[in-house]
Protein backbone atom coordinates (compact mmCIF):
# COMPACT_ATOMS: atom_id res chain seq x y z
CA UNK A 1 0.00 0.00 0.00
CA UNK A 2 1.42 3.36 -1.02
CA UNK A 3 0.98 5.33 2.21
CA UNK A 4 2.72 8.41 0.77
CA UNK A 5 0.22 8.78 -2.07
CA UNK A 6 -2.71 8.01 0.21
CA UNK A 7 -1.60 10.68 2.66
CA UNK A 8 -1.12 13.19 -0.18
CA UNK A 9 -4.83 12.85 -1.03
CA UNK A 10 -6.09 12.53 2.55
CA UNK A 11 -7.05 8.87 2.16
CA UNK A 12 -7.01 6.11 4.74
CA UNK A 13 -7.43 2.49 3.63
CA UNK A 14 -7.55 -0.67 5.65
CA UNK A 15 -8.20 -4.34 4.95
CA UNK A 16 -11.13 -6.03 6.66
CA UNK A 17 -11.77 -9.69 7.39
CA UNK A 18 -14.51 -9.83 4.76
CA UNK A 19 -13.52 -10.62 1.17
CA UNK A 20 -14.11 -7.84 -1.39
CA UNK A 21 -14.57 -5.32 1.38
CA UNK A 22 -12.16 -2.74 2.63
CA UNK A 23 -12.36 0.40 4.68
CA UNK A 24 -11.60 3.71 3.02
CA UNK A 25 -12.08 7.29 4.15
CA UNK A 26 -11.28 10.65 2.61
CA UNK A 27 -14.07 12.39 0.72
CA UNK A 28 -14.81 12.68 -2.19
CA UNK A 29 -12.27 10.21 -3.56
CA UNK A 30 -13.16 7.53 -1.01
CA UNK A 31 -16.86 7.71 -1.84
CA UNK A 32 -16.06 7.12 -5.50
CA UNK A 33 -13.51 4.33 -5.03
CA UNK A 34 -15.79 2.40 -2.68
CA UNK A 35 -18.07 1.63 -5.63
CA UNK A 36 -15.28 -0.57 -7.05
CA UNK A 37 -15.64 -3.60 -4.78
CA UNK A 38 -14.12 -6.39 -6.87
CA UNK A 39 -10.40 -6.66 -7.67
CA UNK A 40 -11.20 -7.56 -11.31
CA UNK A 41 -13.00 -4.22 -11.75
CA UNK A 42 -10.00 -2.42 -10.30
CA UNK A 43 -7.73 -4.37 -12.68
CA UNK A 44 -9.81 -3.25 -15.67
CA UNK A 45 -9.50 0.35 -14.52
CA UNK A 46 -5.73 -0.01 -14.06
CA UNK A 47 -5.40 -1.53 -17.54
CA UNK A 48 -6.94 1.60 -19.03
CA UNK A 49 -4.67 3.78 -16.91
CA UNK A 50 -1.66 1.83 -18.19
CA UNK A 51 -2.74 2.53 -21.76
CA UNK A 52 -2.98 6.27 -21.06
CA UNK A 53 0.31 6.33 -19.13
CA UNK A 54 2.00 4.47 -22.00
CA UNK A 55 0.82 7.05 -24.54
CA UNK A 56 -1.94 4.85 -25.97
CA UNK A 57 -4.94 6.83 -24.76
CA UNK A 58 -6.77 6.30 -28.07
CA UNK A 59 -6.85 2.54 -27.36
CA UNK A 60 -9.07 3.02 -24.30
CA UNK A 61 -12.52 1.83 -25.30
CA UNK A 62 -14.36 4.20 -22.95
CA UNK A 63 -12.49 6.69 -20.75
CA UNK A 64 -15.74 7.60 -18.93
CA UNK A 65 -15.65 6.00 -15.48
CA UNK A 66 -18.68 7.73 -14.05
CA UNK A 67 -21.58 6.72 -16.26
CA UNK A 68 -22.17 3.36 -14.60
CA UNK A 69 -22.43 4.96 -11.18
CA UNK A 70 -25.61 6.95 -11.73
CA UNK A 71 -25.86 10.67 -12.12
CA UNK A 72 -23.92 11.45 -8.97
CA UNK A 73 -20.40 11.00 -10.31
CA UNK A 74 -18.49 12.32 -13.27
CA UNK A 75 -15.17 10.56 -13.73
CA UNK A 76 -12.90 10.39 -16.73
CA UNK A 77 -9.43 9.29 -17.74
CA UNK A 78 -7.67 11.89 -19.89
CA UNK A 79 -4.28 11.53 -21.62
CA UNK A 80 -2.57 13.20 -18.61
CA UNK A 81 -4.79 12.88 -15.55
CA UNK A 82 -7.93 11.50 -13.96
CA UNK A 83 -10.85 13.87 -13.36
CA UNK A 84 -13.43 13.24 -10.66
CA UNK A 85 -16.29 15.42 -9.56
CA UNK A 86 -19.82 15.49 -8.26
CA UNK A 87 -22.47 17.96 -9.27
CA UNK A 88 -22.13 21.06 -7.12
CA UNK A 89 -18.60 20.23 -5.96
CA UNK A 90 -15.20 21.22 -7.34
CA UNK A 91 -13.42 18.92 -9.76
CA UNK A 92 -10.55 16.82 -8.41
CA UNK A 93 -7.70 16.33 -10.87
CA UNK A 94 -5.20 13.57 -10.11
CA UNK A 95 -2.12 12.64 -12.18
CA UNK A 96 -2.49 9.21 -13.80
CA UNK A 97 0.42 7.66 -11.88
CA UNK A 98 -1.03 8.82 -8.55
CA UNK A 99 -4.49 7.51 -9.43
CA UNK A 100 -2.98 4.16 -10.38
CA UNK A 101 -1.21 3.94 -7.00
CA UNK A 102 -4.46 4.79 -5.21
CA UNK A 103 -6.28 2.02 -7.09
CA UNK A 104 -3.49 -0.49 -6.46
CA UNK A 105 -3.71 0.30 -2.75
CA UNK A 106 -7.49 -0.16 -2.81
CA UNK A 107 -7.12 -3.48 -4.66
CA UNK A 108 -4.77 -4.65 -1.92
CA UNK A 109 -7.51 -3.93 0.63
CA UNK A 110 -10.06 -5.92 -1.35
CA UNK A 111 -7.95 -9.03 -1.78
CA UNK A 112 -7.62 -11.70 0.86
C-alpha atoms as a PDB file:
ATOM      1  CA  UNK A   1       0.000   0.000   0.000  1.00  0.00           C
ATOM      2  CA  UNK A   2       1.424   3.357  -1.018  1.00  0.00           C
ATOM      3  CA  UNK A   3       0.977   5.332   2.209  1.00  0.00           C
ATOM      4  CA  UNK A   4       2.720   8.414   0.773  1.00  0.00           C
ATOM      5  CA  UNK A   5       0.222   8.777  -2.074  1.00  0.00           C
ATOM      6  CA  UNK A   6      -2.714   8.007   0.213  1.00  0.00           C
ATOM      7  CA  UNK A   7      -1.597  10.679   2.662  1.00  0.00           C
ATOM      8  CA  UNK A   8      -1.115  13.187  -0.184  1.00  0.00           C
ATOM      9  CA  UNK A   9      -4.826  12.854  -1.026  1.00  0.00           C
ATOM     10  CA  UNK A  10      -6.090  12.527   2.553  1.00  0.00           C
ATOM     11  CA  UNK A  11      -7.051   8.868   2.158  1.00  0.00           C
ATOM     12  CA  UNK A  12      -7.015   6.112   4.744  1.00  0.00           C
ATOM     13  CA  UNK A  13      -7.429   2.491   3.630  1.00  0.00           C
ATOM     14  CA  UNK A  14      -7.552  -0.673   5.654  1.00  0.00           C
ATOM     15  CA  UNK A  15      -8.203  -4.342   4.954  1.00  0.00           C
ATOM     16  CA  UNK A  16     -11.133  -6.031   6.655  1.00  0.00           C
ATOM     17  CA  UNK A  17     -11.768  -9.686   7.389  1.00  0.00           C
ATOM     18  CA  UNK A  18     -14.514  -9.830   4.758  1.00  0.00           C
ATOM     19  CA  UNK A  19     -13.516 -10.618   1.169  1.00  0.00           C
ATOM     20  CA  UNK A  20     -14.106  -7.839  -1.389  1.00  0.00           C
ATOM     21  CA  UNK A  21     -14.566  -5.323   1.381  1.00  0.00           C
ATOM     22  CA  UNK A  22     -12.165  -2.739   2.634  1.00  0.00           C
ATOM     23  CA  UNK A  23     -12.360   0.404   4.682  1.00  0.00           C
ATOM     24  CA  UNK A  24     -11.598   3.711   3.015  1.00  0.00           C
ATOM     25  CA  UNK A  25     -12.080   7.289   4.151  1.00  0.00           C
ATOM     26  CA  UNK A  26     -11.283  10.646   2.611  1.00  0.00           C
ATOM     27  CA  UNK A  27     -14.072  12.394   0.721  1.00  0.00           C
ATOM     28  CA  UNK A  28     -14.811  12.679  -2.189  1.00  0.00           C
ATOM     29  CA  UNK A  29     -12.269  10.214  -3.562  1.00  0.00           C
ATOM     30  CA  UNK A  30     -13.161   7.531  -1.014  1.00  0.00           C
ATOM     31  CA  UNK A  31     -16.858   7.715  -1.842  1.00  0.00           C
ATOM     32  CA  UNK A  32     -16.064   7.124  -5.499  1.00  0.00           C
ATOM     33  CA  UNK A  33     -13.510   4.335  -5.034  1.00  0.00           C
ATOM     34  CA  UNK A  34     -15.788   2.405  -2.680  1.00  0.00           C
ATOM     35  CA  UNK A  35     -18.075   1.625  -5.628  1.00  0.00           C
ATOM     36  CA  UNK A  36     -15.277  -0.572  -7.054  1.00  0.00           C
ATOM     37  CA  UNK A  37     -15.635  -3.597  -4.777  1.00  0.00           C
ATOM     38  CA  UNK A  38     -14.124  -6.394  -6.867  1.00  0.00           C
ATOM     39  CA  UNK A  39     -10.399  -6.664  -7.668  1.00  0.00           C
ATOM     40  CA  UNK A  40     -11.199  -7.556 -11.308  1.00  0.00           C
ATOM     41  CA  UNK A  41     -13.002  -4.225 -11.751  1.00  0.00           C
ATOM     42  CA  UNK A  42     -10.004  -2.419 -10.302  1.00  0.00           C
ATOM     43  CA  UNK A  43      -7.725  -4.371 -12.676  1.00  0.00           C
ATOM     44  CA  UNK A  44      -9.806  -3.253 -15.669  1.00  0.00           C
ATOM     45  CA  UNK A  45      -9.503   0.353 -14.516  1.00  0.00           C
ATOM     46  CA  UNK A  46      -5.735  -0.008 -14.060  1.00  0.00           C
ATOM     47  CA  UNK A  47      -5.396  -1.532 -17.545  1.00  0.00           C
ATOM     48  CA  UNK A  48      -6.944   1.599 -19.033  1.00  0.00           C
ATOM     49  CA  UNK A  49      -4.667   3.783 -16.914  1.00  0.00           C
ATOM     50  CA  UNK A  50      -1.664   1.825 -18.186  1.00  0.00           C
ATOM     51  CA  UNK A  51      -2.744   2.535 -21.762  1.00  0.00           C
ATOM     52  CA  UNK A  52      -2.984   6.267 -21.057  1.00  0.00           C
ATOM     53  CA  UNK A  53       0.310   6.332 -19.132  1.00  0.00           C
ATOM     54  CA  UNK A  54       1.999   4.472 -22.001  1.00  0.00           C
ATOM     55  CA  UNK A  55       0.819   7.046 -24.544  1.00  0.00           C
ATOM     56  CA  UNK A  56      -1.940   4.847 -25.969  1.00  0.00           C
ATOM     57  CA  UNK A  57      -4.944   6.828 -24.757  1.00  0.00           C
ATOM     58  CA  UNK A  58      -6.769   6.301 -28.066  1.00  0.00           C
ATOM     59  CA  UNK A  59      -6.851   2.543 -27.360  1.00  0.00           C
ATOM     60  CA  UNK A  60      -9.067   3.021 -24.303  1.00  0.00           C
ATOM     61  CA  UNK A  61     -12.521   1.832 -25.303  1.00  0.00           C
ATOM     62  CA  UNK A  62     -14.361   4.201 -22.951  1.00  0.00           C
ATOM     63  CA  UNK A  63     -12.493   6.691 -20.746  1.00  0.00           C
ATOM     64  CA  UNK A  64     -15.744   7.602 -18.930  1.00  0.00           C
ATOM     65  CA  UNK A  65     -15.655   5.996 -15.485  1.00  0.00           C
ATOM     66  CA  UNK A  66     -18.683   7.731 -14.049  1.00  0.00           C
ATOM     67  CA  UNK A  67     -21.585   6.715 -16.262  1.00  0.00           C
ATOM     68  CA  UNK A  68     -22.172   3.358 -14.598  1.00  0.00           C
ATOM     69  CA  UNK A  69     -22.430   4.962 -11.181  1.00  0.00           C
ATOM     70  CA  UNK A  70     -25.612   6.945 -11.732  1.00  0.00           C
ATOM     71  CA  UNK A  71     -25.857  10.670 -12.118  1.00  0.00           C
ATOM     72  CA  UNK A  72     -23.924  11.449  -8.968  1.00  0.00           C
ATOM     73  CA  UNK A  73     -20.400  10.999 -10.309  1.00  0.00           C
ATOM     74  CA  UNK A  74     -18.495  12.325 -13.274  1.00  0.00           C
ATOM     75  CA  UNK A  75     -15.169  10.564 -13.734  1.00  0.00           C
ATOM     76  CA  UNK A  76     -12.895  10.385 -16.733  1.00  0.00           C
ATOM     77  CA  UNK A  77      -9.429   9.291 -17.738  1.00  0.00           C
ATOM     78  CA  UNK A  78      -7.671  11.888 -19.895  1.00  0.00           C
ATOM     79  CA  UNK A  79      -4.279  11.532 -21.619  1.00  0.00           C
ATOM     80  CA  UNK A  80      -2.570  13.199 -18.615  1.00  0.00           C
ATOM     81  CA  UNK A  81      -4.787  12.882 -15.546  1.00  0.00           C
ATOM     82  CA  UNK A  82      -7.932  11.499 -13.957  1.00  0.00           C
ATOM     83  CA  UNK A  83     -10.855  13.870 -13.359  1.00  0.00           C
ATOM     84  CA  UNK A  84     -13.425  13.237 -10.655  1.00  0.00           C
ATOM     85  CA  UNK A  85     -16.295  15.416  -9.563  1.00  0.00           C
ATOM     86  CA  UNK A  86     -19.821  15.488  -8.264  1.00  0.00           C
ATOM     87  CA  UNK A  87     -22.473  17.957  -9.266  1.00  0.00           C
ATOM     88  CA  UNK A  88     -22.134  21.063  -7.119  1.00  0.00           C
ATOM     89  CA  UNK A  89     -18.604  20.227  -5.965  1.00  0.00           C
ATOM     90  CA  UNK A  90     -15.197  21.218  -7.339  1.00  0.00           C
ATOM     91  CA  UNK A  91     -13.418  18.921  -9.764  1.00  0.00           C
ATOM     92  CA  UNK A  92     -10.554  16.816  -8.410  1.00  0.00           C
ATOM     93  CA  UNK A  93      -7.699  16.330 -10.872  1.00  0.00           C
ATOM     94  CA  UNK A  94      -5.200  13.570 -10.115  1.00  0.00           C
ATOM     95  CA  UNK A  95      -2.115  12.638 -12.183  1.00  0.00           C
ATOM     96  CA  UNK A  96      -2.492   9.211 -13.800  1.00  0.00           C
ATOM     97  CA  UNK A  97       0.418   7.657 -11.878  1.00  0.00           C
ATOM     98  CA  UNK A  98      -1.029   8.818  -8.546  1.00  0.00           C
ATOM     99  CA  UNK A  99      -4.489   7.511  -9.431  1.00  0.00           C
ATOM    100  CA  UNK A 100      -2.983   4.164 -10.381  1.00  0.00           C
ATOM    101  CA  UNK A 101      -1.211   3.942  -7.005  1.00  0.00           C
ATOM    102  CA  UNK A 102      -4.462   4.786  -5.212  1.00  0.00           C
ATOM    103  CA  UNK A 103      -6.284   2.024  -7.091  1.00  0.00           C
ATOM    104  CA  UNK A 104      -3.486  -0.491  -6.462  1.00  0.00           C
ATOM    105  CA  UNK A 105      -3.714   0.304  -2.747  1.00  0.00           C
ATOM    106  CA  UNK A 106      -7.489  -0.163  -2.813  1.00  0.00           C
ATOM    107  CA  UNK A 107      -7.120  -3.475  -4.657  1.00  0.00           C
ATOM    108  CA  UNK A 108      -4.772  -4.645  -1.919  1.00  0.00           C
ATOM    109  CA  UNK A 109      -7.514  -3.926   0.633  1.00  0.00           C
ATOM    110  CA  UNK A 110     -10.062  -5.922  -1.345  1.00  0.00           C
ATOM    111  CA  UNK A 111      -7.948  -9.027  -1.783  1.00  0.00           C
ATOM    112  CA  UNK A 112      -7.617 -11.697   0.863  1.00  0.00           C
END
